[in-house]
Amino acid sequence: MDSLYILIPVAIFVVVLAILLFFWAVKSGQYDDLESQGKRILFDEVKPKTTAASNATVSAKAKADTHVD
């Protein structure tokens, strides 16, 4: 019976702490967007399209970097 004098205030403290943490999370925007992060993993990243000029530059750099011993 004596343990209830300790356990009840500790339980009340834990509940109040959980409520405060919940309101802090809502206020800081933790629950703003629950949908997009879960769906983002399902789609591939869109790769930027390269132009012919950039392809020529890349291939010229690749040729310059290769050397024959």
N, C-alpha and C. Protein backbone atom coordinates (compact mmCIF):
# COMPACT_ATOMS: atom_id res chain seq x y z
N MET A 1 0.82 -1.20 0.00
CA MET A 1 0.00 0.00 0.00
C MET A 1 0.86 1.26 0.00
N ASP A 2 1.99 1.17 0.65
CA ASP A 2 2.88 2.34 0.69
C ASP A 2 3.46 2.66 -0.68
N SER A 3 3.56 1.65 -1.54
CA SER A 3 4.13 1.89 -2.87
C SER A 3 3.21 2.75 -3.74
N LEU A 4 1.91 2.76 -3.43
CA LEU A 4 0.99 3.60 -4.19
C LEU A 4 1.27 5.09 -4.00
N TYR A 5 1.82 5.45 -2.86
CA TYR A 5 2.15 6.85 -2.61
C TYR A 5 3.29 7.33 -3.52
N ILE A 6 4.06 6.40 -4.02
CA ILE A 6 5.13 6.73 -4.96
C ILE A 6 4.67 6.54 -6.40
N LEU A 7 3.96 5.44 -6.66
CA LEU A 7 3.60 5.10 -8.03
C LEU A 7 2.57 6.05 -8.64
N ILE A 8 1.62 6.51 -7.87
CA ILE A 8 0.59 7.41 -8.42
C ILE A 8 1.18 8.75 -8.86
N PRO A 9 2.00 9.42 -8.05
CA PRO A 9 2.61 10.67 -8.54
C PRO A 9 3.55 10.44 -9.73
N VAL A 10 4.27 9.32 -9.73
CA VAL A 10 5.14 9.02 -10.87
C VAL A 10 4.32 8.81 -12.13
N ALA A 11 3.21 8.10 -12.02
CA ALA A 11 2.34 7.87 -13.18
C ALA A 11 1.74 9.17 -13.68
N ILE A 12 1.32 10.03 -12.78
CA ILE A 12 0.77 11.34 -13.18
C ILE A 12 1.85 12.17 -13.88
N PHE A 13 3.06 12.13 -13.36
CA PHE A 13 4.17 12.86 -13.98
C PHE A 13 4.46 12.34 -15.39
N VAL A 14 4.44 11.03 -15.57
CA VAL A 14 4.69 10.44 -16.89
C VAL A 14 3.59 10.84 -17.87
N VAL A 15 2.35 10.83 -17.44
CA VAL A 15 1.23 11.22 -18.32
C VAL A 15 1.34 12.69 -18.70
N VAL A 16 1.64 13.55 -17.76
CA VAL A 16 1.78 14.98 -18.05
C VAL A 16 2.95 15.21 -19.01
N LEU A 17 4.05 14.50 -18.79
CA LEU A 17 5.20 14.61 -19.68
C LEU A 17 4.86 14.15 -21.09
N ALA A 18 4.11 13.06 -21.22
CA ALA A 18 3.71 12.57 -22.54
C ALA A 18 2.80 13.57 -23.25
N ILE A 19 1.90 14.19 -22.52
CA ILE A 19 1.00 15.19 -23.11
C ILE A 19 1.79 16.41 -23.57
N LEU A 20 2.73 16.86 -22.75
CA LEU A 20 3.54 18.01 -23.13
C LEU A 20 4.40 17.70 -24.36
N LEU A 21 4.97 16.51 -24.42
CA LEU A 21 5.77 16.13 -25.59
C LEU A 21 4.91 16.03 -26.84
N PHE A 22 3.69 15.55 -26.70
CA PHE A 22 2.79 15.48 -27.84
C PHE A 22 2.47 16.87 -28.37
N PHE A 23 2.13 17.80 -27.49
CA PHE A 23 1.81 19.15 -27.93
C PHE A 23 3.04 19.84 -28.53
N TRP A 24 4.22 19.57 -27.98
CA TRP A 24 5.44 20.12 -28.56
C TRP A 24 5.65 19.59 -29.98
N ALA A 25 5.42 18.30 -30.19
CA ALA A 25 5.60 17.70 -31.52
C ALA A 25 4.60 18.29 -32.52
N VAL A 26 3.38 18.50 -32.10
CA VAL A 26 2.37 19.09 -32.99
C VAL A 26 2.74 20.54 -33.31
N LYS A 27 3.18 21.27 -32.31
CA LYS A 27 3.53 22.68 -32.51
C LYS A 27 4.75 22.84 -33.41
N SER A 28 5.71 21.92 -33.33
CA SER A 28 6.92 22.04 -34.13
C SER A 28 6.78 21.47 -35.53
N GLY A 29 5.60 20.94 -35.87
CA GLY A 29 5.34 20.50 -37.24
C GLY A 29 5.69 19.06 -37.52
N GLN A 30 5.80 18.24 -36.52
CA GLN A 30 6.16 16.84 -36.74
C GLN A 30 5.06 16.06 -37.44
N TYR A 31 3.82 16.50 -37.30
CA TYR A 31 2.69 15.77 -37.89
C TYR A 31 2.07 16.51 -39.07
N ASP A 32 2.79 17.43 -39.68
CA ASP A 32 2.21 18.21 -40.78
C ASP A 32 1.96 17.38 -42.02
N ASP A 33 2.93 16.56 -42.42
CA ASP A 33 2.82 15.82 -43.68
C ASP A 33 3.15 14.35 -43.42
N LEU A 34 2.13 13.55 -43.21
CA LEU A 34 2.34 12.13 -42.92
C LEU A 34 2.29 11.26 -44.16
N GLU A 35 1.80 11.79 -45.27
CA GLU A 35 1.57 10.98 -46.46
C GLU A 35 2.78 10.93 -47.40
N SER A 36 3.40 12.05 -47.69
CA SER A 36 4.38 12.09 -48.78
C SER A 36 5.65 11.30 -48.47
N GLN A 37 6.09 11.26 -47.24
CA GLN A 37 7.31 10.53 -46.93
C GLN A 37 7.14 9.03 -47.10
N GLY A 38 5.96 8.53 -46.82
CA GLY A 38 5.70 7.11 -47.02
C GLY A 38 5.57 6.73 -48.48
N LYS A 39 5.09 7.65 -49.29
CA LYS A 39 4.91 7.38 -50.72
C LYS A 39 6.16 7.70 -51.53
N ARG A 40 7.04 8.52 -51.00
CA ARG A 40 8.23 8.93 -51.74
C ARG A 40 9.13 7.76 -52.08
N ILE A 41 9.19 6.77 -51.23
CA ILE A 41 10.07 5.63 -51.46
C ILE A 41 9.58 4.76 -52.61
N LEU A 42 8.31 4.87 -52.97
CA LEU A 42 7.75 4.03 -54.02
C LEU A 42 8.12 4.49 -55.43
N PHE A 43 8.55 5.73 -55.57
CA PHE A 43 8.82 6.28 -56.89
C PHE A 43 10.31 6.51 -57.09
N ASP A 44 10.77 6.30 -58.32
CA ASP A 44 12.16 6.56 -58.66
C ASP A 44 12.41 8.05 -58.73
N GLU A 45 13.68 8.41 -58.54
CA GLU A 45 14.04 9.81 -58.68
C GLU A 45 14.05 10.19 -60.15
N VAL A 46 13.64 11.40 -60.42
CA VAL A 46 13.63 11.89 -61.79
C VAL A 46 15.03 12.39 -62.10
N LYS A 47 15.66 11.78 -63.09
CA LYS A 47 17.00 12.19 -63.48
C LYS A 47 16.89 13.34 -64.48
N PRO A 48 17.72 14.36 -64.31
CA PRO A 48 17.65 15.48 -65.26
C PRO A 48 18.11 15.04 -66.64
N LYS A 49 17.43 15.55 -67.65
CA LYS A 49 17.79 15.21 -69.02
C LYS A 49 19.05 15.97 -69.41
N THR A 50 19.98 15.26 -70.04
CA THR A 50 21.20 15.91 -70.47
C THR A 50 21.06 16.31 -71.93
N THR A 51 21.70 17.39 -72.27
CA THR A 51 21.66 17.86 -73.64
C THR A 51 22.84 17.31 -74.41
N ALA A 52 22.81 17.46 -75.71
CA ALA A 52 23.90 16.96 -76.56
C ALA A 52 25.20 17.69 -76.25
N ALA A 53 25.12 18.98 -75.93
CA ALA A 53 26.32 19.75 -75.62
C ALA A 53 26.98 19.25 -74.34
N SER A 54 26.18 18.94 -73.34
CA SER A 54 26.76 18.45 -72.10
C SER A 54 27.31 17.04 -72.28
N ASN A 55 26.68 16.22 -73.13
CA ASN A 55 27.21 14.89 -73.42
C ASN A 55 28.55 14.99 -74.11
N ALA A 56 28.71 15.95 -75.03
CA ALA A 56 29.98 16.13 -75.73
C ALA A 56 31.06 16.58 -74.76
N THR A 57 30.71 17.44 -73.81
CA THR A 57 31.67 17.90 -72.82
C THR A 57 32.11 16.76 -71.92
N VAL A 58 31.17 15.94 -71.51
CA VAL A 58 31.49 14.80 -70.65
C VAL A 58 32.37 13.81 -71.38
N SER A 59 32.06 13.51 -72.64
CA SER A 59 32.86 12.54 -73.38
C SER A 59 34.24 13.11 -73.68
N ALA A 60 34.36 14.41 -73.91
CA ALA A 60 35.67 15.02 -74.13
C ALA A 60 36.52 14.95 -72.87
N LYS A 61 35.92 15.18 -71.72
CA LYS A 61 36.65 15.07 -70.46
C LYS A 61 37.07 13.64 -70.20
N ALA A 62 36.22 12.69 -70.55
CA ALA A 62 36.55 11.29 -70.34
C ALA A 62 37.72 10.88 -71.23
N LYS A 63 37.75 11.37 -72.47
CA LYS A 63 38.87 11.06 -73.36
C LYS A 63 40.16 11.71 -72.87
N ALA A 64 40.06 12.90 -72.31
CA ALA A 64 41.25 13.59 -71.81
C ALA A 64 41.79 12.91 -70.56
N ASP A 65 40.91 12.33 -69.77
CA ASP A 65 41.33 11.68 -68.53
C ASP A 65 41.97 10.33 -68.77
N THR A 66 41.64 9.67 -69.85
CA THR A 66 42.22 8.35 -70.11
C THR A 66 43.58 8.53 -70.76
N HIS A 67 44.50 7.73 -70.32
CA HIS A 67 45.83 7.77 -70.90
C HIS A 67 46.34 6.35 -71.07
N VAL A 68 47.19 6.19 -72.03
CA VAL A 68 47.74 4.88 -72.33
C VAL A 68 49.20 4.87 -71.90
N ASP A 69 49.56 3.86 -71.14
CA ASP A 69 50.96 3.76 -70.69
C ASP A 69 51.81 3.06 -71.70
